[in-house]
């Protein structure tokens, strides 16, 4: 099956990935959650609400950045493929080429 068919039928969803249980990411994420809980336990309800609003804004910024990075990476990959299969004015020929 072609990759475009897989994307069309939802078999490939780049933003959905599973976190490896022994990864550095998982360890850091767990630590972040613990530190956040400790931090929030000392805040007033008003400050907790303000912190939540800040986190929401941060997540929105990260989502935009990750989406843009994905698109730019995909475009770079496509340009590399076009460069490999496209016509190129070369200065040298491989031995045996006419």
PDB file of N, CA and C in Angstrom:
ATOM      1  N   UNK A   1       0.844  -1.178   0.000  1.00  0.00           N
ATOM      2  CA  UNK A   1       0.000   0.000   0.000  1.00  0.00           C
ATOM      3  C   UNK A   1       0.891   1.244   0.000  1.00  0.00           C
ATOM      4  N   UNK A   2       0.429   2.274  -0.634  1.00  0.00           N
ATOM      5  CA  UNK A   2       1.166   3.530  -0.710  1.00  0.00           C
ATOM      6  C   UNK A   2       0.978   4.346   0.561  1.00  0.00           C
ATOM      7  N   UNK A   3       1.982   5.154   0.873  1.00  0.00           N
ATOM      8  CA  UNK A   3       1.920   5.967   2.092  1.00  0.00           C
ATOM      9  C   UNK A   3       0.749   6.943   2.044  1.00  0.00           C
ATOM     10  N   UNK A   4       0.413   7.466   0.870  1.00  0.00           N
ATOM     11  CA  UNK A   4      -0.719   8.386   0.777  1.00  0.00           C
ATOM     12  C   UNK A   4      -2.032   7.681   1.125  1.00  0.00           C
ATOM     13  N   UNK A   5      -2.157   6.402   0.749  1.00  0.00           N
ATOM     14  CA  UNK A   5      -3.345   5.631   1.148  1.00  0.00           C
ATOM     15  C   UNK A   5      -3.388   5.471   2.668  1.00  0.00           C
ATOM     16  N   UNK A   6      -2.237   5.186   3.259  1.00  0.00           N
ATOM     17  CA  UNK A   6      -2.177   5.036   4.718  1.00  0.00           C
ATOM     18  C   UNK A   6      -2.579   6.327   5.424  1.00  0.00           C
ATOM     19  N   UNK A   7      -2.116   7.442   4.911  1.00  0.00           N
ATOM     20  CA  UNK A   7      -2.496   8.726   5.506  1.00  0.00           C
ATOM     21  C   UNK A   7      -3.989   8.969   5.315  1.00  0.00           C
ATOM     22  N   UNK A   8      -4.495   8.713   4.113  1.00  0.00           N
ATOM     23  CA  UNK A   8      -5.912   8.919   3.818  1.00  0.00           C
ATOM     24  C   UNK A   8      -6.812   8.098   4.736  1.00  0.00           C
ATOM     25  N   UNK A   9      -6.447   6.843   4.962  1.00  0.00           N
ATOM     26  CA  UNK A   9      -7.284   5.960   5.777  1.00  0.00           C
ATOM     27  C   UNK A   9      -6.976   6.051   7.274  1.00  0.00           C
ATOM     28  N   UNK A  10      -6.100   6.978   7.638  1.00  0.00           N
ATOM     29  CA  UNK A  10      -5.819   7.198   9.051  1.00  0.00           C
ATOM     30  C   UNK A  10      -4.909   6.166   9.686  1.00  0.00           C
ATOM     31  N   UNK A  11      -4.186   5.408   8.863  1.00  0.00           N
ATOM     32  CA  UNK A  11      -3.262   4.412   9.401  1.00  0.00           C
ATOM     33  C   UNK A  11      -1.960   5.035   9.898  1.00  0.00           C
ATOM     34  N   UNK A  12      -1.680   6.238   9.429  1.00  0.00           N
ATOM     35  CA  UNK A  12      -0.491   6.960   9.869  1.00  0.00           C
ATOM     36  C   UNK A  12      -0.950   8.275  10.481  1.00  0.00           C
ATOM     37  N   UNK A  13      -0.666   8.433  11.749  1.00  0.00           N
ATOM     38  CA  UNK A  13      -1.012   9.675  12.447  1.00  0.00           C
ATOM     39  C   UNK A  13       0.265  10.135  13.147  1.00  0.00           C
ATOM     40  N   UNK A  14       1.031  11.022  12.492  1.00  0.00           N
ATOM     41  CA  UNK A  14       2.352  11.397  13.007  1.00  0.00           C
ATOM     42  C   UNK A  14       2.355  11.939  14.435  1.00  0.00           C
ATOM     43  N   UNK A  15       1.287  12.598  14.848  1.00  0.00           N
ATOM     44  CA  UNK A  15       1.311  13.201  16.190  1.00  0.00           C
ATOM     45  C   UNK A  15       0.961  12.203  17.286  1.00  0.00           C
ATOM     46  N   UNK A  16       0.579  10.989  16.939  1.00  0.00           N
ATOM     47  CA  UNK A  16       0.260   9.976  17.941  1.00  0.00           C
ATOM     48  C   UNK A  16       1.414   8.988  18.054  1.00  0.00           C
ATOM     49  N   UNK A  17       2.063   9.015  19.210  1.00  0.00           N
ATOM     50  CA  UNK A  17       3.164   8.098  19.462  1.00  0.00           C
ATOM     51  C   UNK A  17       3.082   7.621  20.899  1.00  0.00           C
ATOM     52  N   UNK A  18       3.608   6.455  21.160  1.00  0.00           N
ATOM     53  CA  UNK A  18       3.655   5.926  22.515  1.00  0.00           C
ATOM     54  C   UNK A  18       5.017   6.250  23.124  1.00  0.00           C
ATOM     55  N   UNK A  19       5.006   6.564  24.407  1.00  0.00           N
ATOM     56  CA  UNK A  19       6.249   6.881  25.106  1.00  0.00           C
ATOM     57  C   UNK A  19       6.869   5.585  25.604  1.00  0.00           C
ATOM     58  N   UNK A  20       8.132   5.369  25.288  1.00  0.00           N
ATOM     59  CA  UNK A  20       8.843   4.185  25.767  1.00  0.00           C
ATOM     60  C   UNK A  20       8.979   4.249  27.278  1.00  0.00           C
ATOM     61  N   UNK A  21       8.757   3.116  27.939  1.00  0.00           N
ATOM     62  CA  UNK A  21       8.717   3.098  29.407  1.00  0.00           C
ATOM     63  C   UNK A  21      10.048   3.446  30.056  1.00  0.00           C
ATOM     64  N   UNK A  22      11.150   3.195  29.378  1.00  0.00           N
ATOM     65  CA  UNK A  22      12.462   3.467  29.981  1.00  0.00           C
ATOM     66  C   UNK A  22      13.130   4.708  29.386  1.00  0.00           C
ATOM     67  N   UNK A  23      12.347   5.564  28.738  1.00  0.00           N
ATOM     68  CA  UNK A  23      12.935   6.717  28.055  1.00  0.00           C
ATOM     69  C   UNK A  23      13.241   7.856  29.009  1.00  0.00           C
ATOM     70  N   UNK A  24      14.193   8.681  28.610  1.00  0.00           N
ATOM     71  CA  UNK A  24      14.519   9.875  29.386  1.00  0.00           C
ATOM     72  C   UNK A  24      13.316  10.807  29.429  1.00  0.00           C
ATOM     73  N   UNK A  25      12.564  10.860  28.325  1.00  0.00           N
ATOM     74  CA  UNK A  25      11.372  11.708  28.264  1.00  0.00           C
ATOM     75  C   UNK A  25      10.386  11.334  29.366  1.00  0.00           C
ATOM     76  N   UNK A  26      10.125  10.043  29.528  1.00  0.00           N
ATOM     77  CA  UNK A  26       9.159   9.605  30.536  1.00  0.00           C
ATOM     78  C   UNK A  26       9.636   9.971  31.941  1.00  0.00           C
ATOM     79  N   UNK A  27      10.922   9.792  32.193  1.00  0.00           N
ATOM     80  CA  UNK A  27      11.467  10.140  33.509  1.00  0.00           C
ATOM     81  C   UNK A  27      11.326  11.630  33.785  1.00  0.00           C
ATOM     82  N   UNK A  28      11.680  12.452  32.804  1.00  0.00           N
ATOM     83  CA  UNK A  28      11.577  13.899  32.966  1.00  0.00           C
ATOM     84  C   UNK A  28      10.126  14.343  33.104  1.00  0.00           C
ATOM     85  N   UNK A  29       9.237  13.721  32.345  1.00  0.00           N
ATOM     86  CA  UNK A  29       7.818  14.073  32.422  1.00  0.00           C
ATOM     87  C   UNK A  29       7.266  13.743  33.806  1.00  0.00           C
ATOM     88  N   UNK A  30       7.649  12.596  34.346  1.00  0.00           N
ATOM     89  CA  UNK A  30       7.222  12.204  35.695  1.00  0.00           C
ATOM     90  C   UNK A  30       7.739  13.214  36.717  1.00  0.00           C
ATOM     91  N   UNK A  31       8.992  13.612  36.583  1.00  0.00           N
ATOM     92  CA  UNK A  31       9.580  14.594  37.488  1.00  0.00           C
ATOM     93  C   UNK A  31       8.849  15.935  37.365  1.00  0.00           C
ATOM     94  N   UNK A  32       8.536  16.330  36.150  1.00  0.00           N
ATOM     95  CA  UNK A  32       7.800  17.573  35.922  1.00  0.00           C
ATOM     96  C   UNK A  32       6.441  17.538  36.608  1.00  0.00           C
ATOM     97  N   UNK A  33       5.737  16.416  36.495  1.00  0.00           N
ATOM     98  CA  UNK A  33       4.427  16.277  37.132  1.00  0.00           C
ATOM     99  C   UNK A  33       4.539  16.389  38.647  1.00  0.00           C
ATOM    100  N   UNK A  34       5.535  15.747  39.224  1.00  0.00           N
ATOM    101  CA  UNK A  34       5.724  15.810  40.675  1.00  0.00           C
ATOM    102  C   UNK A  34       6.035  17.240  41.131  1.00  0.00           C
ATOM    103  N   UNK A  35       6.920  17.898  40.428  1.00  0.00           N
ATOM    104  CA  UNK A  35       7.287  19.270  40.788  1.00  0.00           C
ATOM    105  C   UNK A  35       6.100  20.221  40.612  1.00  0.00           C
ATOM    106  N   UNK A  36       5.312  20.013  39.584  1.00  0.00           N
ATOM    107  CA  UNK A  36       4.140  20.852  39.359  1.00  0.00           C
ATOM    108  C   UNK A  36       3.127  20.672  40.486  1.00  0.00           C
ATOM    109  N   UNK A  37       2.886  19.423  40.869  1.00  0.00           N
ATOM    110  CA  UNK A  37       1.968  19.163  41.980  1.00  0.00           C
ATOM    111  C   UNK A  37       2.450  19.837  43.266  1.00  0.00           C
ATOM    112  N   UNK A  38       3.739  19.740  43.546  1.00  0.00           N
ATOM    113  CA  UNK A  38       4.293  20.371  44.749  1.00  0.00           C
ATOM    114  C   UNK A  38       4.142  21.886  44.679  1.00  0.00           C
ATOM    115  N   UNK A  39       4.391  22.444  43.518  1.00  0.00           N
ATOM    116  CA  UNK A  39       4.269  23.890  43.326  1.00  0.00           C
ATOM    117  C   UNK A  39       2.825  24.343  43.512  1.00  0.00           C
ATOM    118  N   UNK A  40       1.887  23.627  42.898  1.00  0.00           N
ATOM    119  CA  UNK A  40       0.477  24.018  42.961  1.00  0.00           C
ATOM    120  C   UNK A  40      -0.107  23.871  44.364  1.00  0.00           C
ATOM    121  N   UNK A  41       0.426  22.968  45.148  1.00  0.00           N
ATOM    122  CA  UNK A  41      -0.117  22.752  46.494  1.00  0.00           C
ATOM    123  C   UNK A  41       0.066  23.975  47.389  1.00  0.00           C
ATOM    124  N   UNK A  42       1.033  24.825  47.052  1.00  0.00           N
ATOM    125  CA  UNK A  42       1.298  26.021  47.847  1.00  0.00           C
ATOM    126  C   UNK A  42       0.548  27.262  47.343  1.00  0.00           C
ATOM    127  N   UNK A  43      -0.178  27.126  46.258  1.00  0.00           N
ATOM    128  CA  UNK A  43      -0.818  28.300  45.656  1.00  0.00           C
ATOM    129  C   UNK A  43      -2.265  28.466  46.125  1.00  0.00           C
ATOM    130  N   UNK A  44      -2.702  29.708  46.116  1.00  0.00           N
ATOM    131  CA  UNK A  44      -4.103  30.009  46.398  1.00  0.00           C
ATOM    132  C   UNK A  44      -4.929  29.602  45.176  1.00  0.00           C
ATOM    133  N   UNK A  45      -6.238  29.444  45.339  1.00  0.00           N
ATOM    134  CA  UNK A  45      -7.089  29.098  44.183  1.00  0.00           C
ATOM    135  C   UNK A  45      -6.941  30.101  43.035  1.00  0.00           C
ATOM    136  N   UNK A  46      -6.807  31.377  43.357  1.00  0.00           N
ATOM    137  CA  UNK A  46      -6.651  32.400  42.323  1.00  0.00           C
ATOM    138  C   UNK A  46      -5.342  32.204  41.560  1.00  0.00           C
ATOM    139  N   UNK A  47      -4.266  31.930  42.286  1.00  0.00           N
ATOM    140  CA  UNK A  47      -2.962  31.704  41.653  1.00  0.00           C
ATOM    141  C   UNK A  47      -2.965  30.402  40.841  1.00  0.00           C
ATOM    142  N   UNK A  48      -3.673  29.378  41.326  1.00  0.00           N
ATOM    143  CA  UNK A  48      -3.773  28.126  40.574  1.00  0.00           C
ATOM    144  C   UNK A  48      -4.465  28.366  39.237  1.00  0.00           C
ATOM    145  N   UNK A  49      -5.530  29.174  39.256  1.00  0.00           N
ATOM    146  CA  UNK A  49      -6.249  29.489  38.017  1.00  0.00           C
ATOM    147  C   UNK A  49      -5.329  30.248  37.055  1.00  0.00           C
ATOM    148  N   UNK A  50      -4.578  31.182  37.580  1.00  0.00           N
ATOM    149  CA  UNK A  50      -3.641  31.941  36.751  1.00  0.00           C
ATOM    150  C   UNK A  50      -2.571  31.014  36.164  1.00  0.00           C
ATOM    151  N   UNK A  51      -2.066  30.091  36.959  1.00  0.00           N
ATOM    152  CA  UNK A  51      -1.069  29.129  36.482  1.00  0.00           C
ATOM    153  C   UNK A  51      -1.655  28.257  35.368  1.00  0.00           C
ATOM    154  N   UNK A  52      -2.912  27.845  35.538  1.00  0.00           N
ATOM    155  CA  UNK A  52      -3.587  27.024  34.522  1.00  0.00           C
ATOM    156  C   UNK A  52      -3.701  27.781  33.198  1.00  0.00           C
ATOM    157  N   UNK A  53      -4.035  29.065  33.279  1.00  0.00           N
ATOM    158  CA  UNK A  53      -4.136  29.889  32.068  1.00  0.00           C
ATOM    159  C   UNK A  53      -2.770  30.008  31.380  1.00  0.00           C
ATOM    160  N   UNK A  54      -1.726  30.164  32.176  1.00  0.00           N
ATOM    161  CA  UNK A  54      -0.378  30.231  31.608  1.00  0.00           C
ATOM    162  C   UNK A  54       0.003  28.915  30.921  1.00  0.00           C
ATOM    163  N   UNK A  55      -0.320  27.789  31.565  1.00  0.00           N
ATOM    164  CA  UNK A  55      -0.032  26.487  30.958  1.00  0.00           C
ATOM    165  C   UNK A  55      -0.789  26.309  29.649  1.00  0.00           C
ATOM    166  N   UNK A  56      -2.048  26.736  29.614  1.00  0.00           N
ATOM    167  CA  UNK A  56      -2.835  26.631  28.380  1.00  0.00           C
ATOM    168  C   UNK A  56      -2.201  27.433  27.249  1.00  0.00           C
ATOM    169  N   UNK A  57      -1.752  28.644  27.554  1.00  0.00           N
ATOM    170  CA  UNK A  57      -1.088  29.466  26.541  1.00  0.00           C
ATOM    171  C   UNK A  57       0.201  28.808  26.065  1.00  0.00           C
ATOM    172  N   UNK A  58       0.961  28.262  27.013  1.00  0.00           N
ATOM    173  CA  UNK A  58       2.216  27.594  26.657  1.00  0.00           C
ATOM    174  C   UNK A  58       1.949  26.393  25.744  1.00  0.00           C
ATOM    175  N   UNK A  59       0.926  25.619  26.050  1.00  0.00           N
ATOM    176  CA  UNK A  59       0.584  24.463  25.209  1.00  0.00           C
ATOM    177  C   UNK A  59       0.168  24.887  23.808  1.00  0.00           C
ATOM    178  N   UNK A  60      -0.570  25.980  23.713  1.00  0.00           N
ATOM    179  CA  UNK A  60      -0.974  26.468  22.394  1.00  0.00           C
ATOM    180  C   UNK A  60       0.235  26.899  21.566  1.00  0.00           C
ATOM    181  N   UNK A  61       1.186  27.583  22.221  1.00  0.00           N
ATOM    182  CA  UNK A  61       2.410  28.005  21.531  1.00  0.00           C
ATOM    183  C   UNK A  61       3.213  26.786  21.085  1.00  0.00           C
ATOM    184  N   UNK A  62       3.344  25.792  21.968  1.00  0.00           N
ATOM    185  CA  UNK A  62       4.095  24.577  21.629  1.00  0.00           C
ATOM    186  C   UNK A  62       3.439  23.829  20.473  1.00  0.00           C
ATOM    187  N   UNK A  63       2.111  23.766  20.466  1.00  0.00           N
ATOM    188  CA  UNK A  63       1.399  23.063  19.391  1.00  0.00           C
ATOM    189  C   UNK A  63       1.691  23.718  18.048  1.00  0.00           C
ATOM    190  N   UNK A  64       1.637  25.036  18.006  1.00  0.00           N
ATOM    191  CA  UNK A  64       1.926  25.749  16.760  1.00  0.00           C
ATOM    192  C   UNK A  64       3.357  25.489  16.319  1.00  0.00           C
ATOM    193  N   UNK A  65       4.291  25.536  17.256  1.00  0.00           N
ATOM    194  CA  UNK A  65       5.697  25.314  16.946  1.00  0.00           C
ATOM    195  C   UNK A  65       5.935  23.892  16.444  1.00  0.00           C
ATOM    196  N   UNK A  66       5.358  22.894  17.118  1.00  0.00           N
ATOM    197  CA  UNK A  66       5.541  21.503  16.698  1.00  0.00           C
ATOM    198  C   UNK A  66       4.929  21.253  15.331  1.00  0.00           C
ATOM    199  N   UNK A  67       3.760  21.819  15.080  1.00  0.00           N
ATOM    200  CA  UNK A  67       3.119  21.654  13.772  1.00  0.00           C
ATOM    201  C   UNK A  67       3.989  22.256  12.671  1.00  0.00           C
ATOM    202  N   UNK A  68       4.512  23.453  12.913  1.00  0.00           N
ATOM    203  CA  UNK A  68       5.352  24.106  11.917  1.00  0.00           C
ATOM    204  C   UNK A  68       6.636  23.316  11.684  1.00  0.00           C
ATOM    205  N   UNK A  69       7.239  22.803  12.758  1.00  0.00           N
ATOM    206  CA  UNK A  69       8.452  22.006  12.638  1.00  0.00           C
ATOM    207  C   UNK A  69       8.195  20.736  11.830  1.00  0.00           C
ATOM    208  N   UNK A  70       7.043  20.084  12.073  1.00  0.00           N
ATOM    209  CA  UNK A  70       6.683  18.891  11.311  1.00  0.00           C
ATOM    210  C   UNK A  70       6.551  19.219   9.825  1.00  0.00           C
ATOM    211  N   UNK A  71       5.848  20.294   9.527  1.00  0.00           N
ATOM    212  CA  UNK A  71       5.634  20.677   8.123  1.00  0.00           C
ATOM    213  C   UNK A  71       6.962  21.000   7.446  1.00  0.00           C
ATOM    214  N   UNK A  72       7.819  21.757   8.136  1.00  0.00           N
ATOM    215  CA  UNK A  72       9.112  22.104   7.550  1.00  0.00           C
ATOM    216  C   UNK A  72       9.988  20.869   7.360  1.00  0.00           C
ATOM    217  N   UNK A  73       9.938  19.931   8.302  1.00  0.00           N
ATOM    218  CA  UNK A  73      10.689  18.687   8.154  1.00  0.00           C
ATOM    219  C   UNK A  73      10.190  17.872   6.977  1.00  0.00           C
ATOM    220  N   UNK A  74       8.876  17.825   6.815  1.00  0.00           N
ATOM    221  CA  UNK A  74       8.282  17.095   5.699  1.00  0.00           C
ATOM    222  C   UNK A  74       8.694  17.737   4.371  1.00  0.00           C
ATOM    223  N   UNK A  75       8.654  19.063   4.318  1.00  0.00           N
ATOM    224  CA  UNK A  75       9.058  19.771   3.101  1.00  0.00           C
ATOM    225  C   UNK A  75      10.535  19.546   2.788  1.00  0.00           C
ATOM    226  N   UNK A  76      11.370  19.553   3.818  1.00  0.00           N
ATOM    227  CA  UNK A  76      12.795  19.295   3.617  1.00  0.00           C
ATOM    228  C   UNK A  76      13.002  17.892   3.047  1.00  0.00           C
ATOM    229  N   UNK A  77      12.297  16.922   3.588  1.00  0.00           N
ATOM    230  CA  UNK A  77      12.389  15.553   3.072  1.00  0.00           C
ATOM    231  C   UNK A  77      11.961  15.472   1.617  1.00  0.00           C
ATOM    232  N   UNK A  78      10.868  16.162   1.283  1.00  0.00           N
ATOM    233  CA  UNK A  78      10.396  16.167  -0.104  1.00  0.00           C
ATOM    234  C   UNK A  78      11.416  16.827  -1.027  1.00  0.00           C
ATOM    235  N   UNK A  79      12.012  17.919  -0.565  1.00  0.00           N
ATOM    236  CA  UNK A  79      13.037  18.585  -1.389  1.00  0.00           C
ATOM    237  C   UNK A  79      14.248  17.681  -1.599  1.00  0.00           C
ATOM    238  N   UNK A  80      14.623  16.917  -0.559  1.00  0.00           N
ATOM    239  CA  UNK A  80      15.755  15.990  -0.707  1.00  0.00           C
ATOM    240  C   UNK A  80      15.418  14.919  -1.739  1.00  0.00           C
ATOM    241  N   UNK A  81      14.202  14.394  -1.700  1.00  0.00           N
ATOM    242  CA  UNK A  81      13.800  13.371  -2.674  1.00  0.00           C
ATOM    243  C   UNK A  81      13.832  13.956  -4.079  1.00  0.00           C
ATOM    244  N   UNK A  82      13.285  15.167  -4.245  1.00  0.00           N
ATOM    245  CA  UNK A  82      13.301  15.799  -5.560  1.00  0.00           C
ATOM    246  C   UNK A  82      14.728  16.051  -6.039  1.00  0.00           C
ATOM    247  N   UNK A  83      15.608  16.376  -5.121  1.00  0.00           N
ATOM    248  CA  UNK A  83      17.002  16.606  -5.475  1.00  0.00           C
ATOM    249  C   UNK A  83      17.660  15.306  -5.935  1.00  0.00           C
ATOM    250  N   UNK A  84      17.319  14.209  -5.291  1.00  0.00           N
ATOM    251  CA  UNK A  84      17.913  12.915  -5.640  1.00  0.00           C
ATOM    252  C   UNK A  84      17.404  12.427  -6.992  1.00  0.00           C
ATOM    253  N   UNK A  85      16.101  12.541  -7.236  1.00  0.00           N
ATOM    254  CA  UNK A  85      15.535  11.997  -8.474  1.00  0.00           C
ATOM    255  C   UNK A  85      15.453  13.028  -9.590  1.00  0.00           C
ATOM    256  N   UNK A  86      15.659  14.298  -9.253  1.00  0.00           N
ATOM    257  CA  UNK A  86      15.537  15.359 -10.250  1.00  0.00           C
ATOM    258  C   UNK A  86      16.761  15.483 -11.125  1.00  0.00           C
ATOM    259  N   UNK A  87      16.615  16.333 -12.108  1.00  0.00           N
ATOM    260  CA  UNK A  87      17.716  16.585 -13.027  1.00  0.00           C
ATOM    261  C   UNK A  87      18.687  17.559 -12.378  1.00  0.00           C
ATOM    262  N   UNK A  88      19.951  17.284 -12.546  1.00  0.00           N
ATOM    263  CA  UNK A  88      20.981  18.101 -11.930  1.00  0.00           C
ATOM    264  C   UNK A  88      22.117  18.283 -12.928  1.00  0.00           C
ATOM    265  N   UNK A  89      22.526  19.505 -13.151  1.00  0.00           N
ATOM    266  CA  UNK A  89      23.679  19.742 -14.036  1.00  0.00           C
ATOM    267  C   UNK A  89      24.932  19.380 -13.254  1.00  0.00           C
ATOM    268  N   UNK A  90      25.473  18.235 -13.599  1.00  0.00           N
ATOM    269  CA  UNK A  90      26.648  17.738 -12.887  1.00  0.00           C
ATOM    270  C   UNK A  90      27.929  18.156 -13.612  1.00  0.00           C
ATOM    271  N   UNK A  91      28.972  18.243 -12.859  1.00  0.00           N
ATOM    272  CA  UNK A  91      30.282  18.570 -13.403  1.00  0.00           C
ATOM    273  C   UNK A  91      31.046  17.328 -13.815  1.00  0.00           C
ATOM    274  N   UNK A  92      30.682  16.188 -13.243  1.00  0.00           N
ATOM    275  CA  UNK A  92      31.369  14.931 -13.535  1.00  0.00           C
ATOM    276  C   UNK A  92      30.343  13.857 -13.849  1.00  0.00           C
ATOM    277  N   UNK A  93      30.794  12.808 -14.557  1.00  0.00           N
ATOM    278  CA  UNK A  93      29.970  11.635 -14.823  1.00  0.00           C
ATOM    279  C   UNK A  93      30.563  10.466 -14.085  1.00  0.00           C
ATOM    280  N   UNK A  94      29.709   9.524 -13.703  1.00  0.00           N
ATOM    281  CA  UNK A  94      30.198   8.279 -13.118  1.00  0.00           C
ATOM    282  C   UNK A  94      30.868   7.441 -14.196  1.00  0.00           C
ATOM    283  N   UNK A  95      31.826   6.651 -13.823  1.00  0.00           N
ATOM    284  CA  UNK A  95      32.513   5.786 -14.782  1.00  0.00           C
ATOM    285  C   UNK A  95      31.460   4.854 -15.407  1.00  0.00           C
ATOM    286  N   UNK A  96      31.471   4.766 -16.728  1.00  0.00           N
ATOM    287  CA  UNK A  96      30.533   3.899 -17.437  1.00  0.00           C
ATOM    288  C   UNK A  96      29.281   4.635 -17.913  1.00  0.00           C
ATOM    289  N   UNK A  97      29.033   5.860 -17.446  1.00  0.00           N
ATOM    290  CA  UNK A  97      27.871   6.631 -17.908  1.00  0.00           C
ATOM    291  C   UNK A  97      28.183   7.245 -19.249  1.00  0.00           C
ATOM    292  N   UNK A  98      27.152   7.405 -20.037  1.00  0.00           N
ATOM    293  CA  UNK A  98      27.345   8.060 -21.343  1.00  0.00           C
ATOM    294  C   UNK A  98      26.884   9.485 -21.300  1.00  0.00           C
TER     295      UNK A  98
END
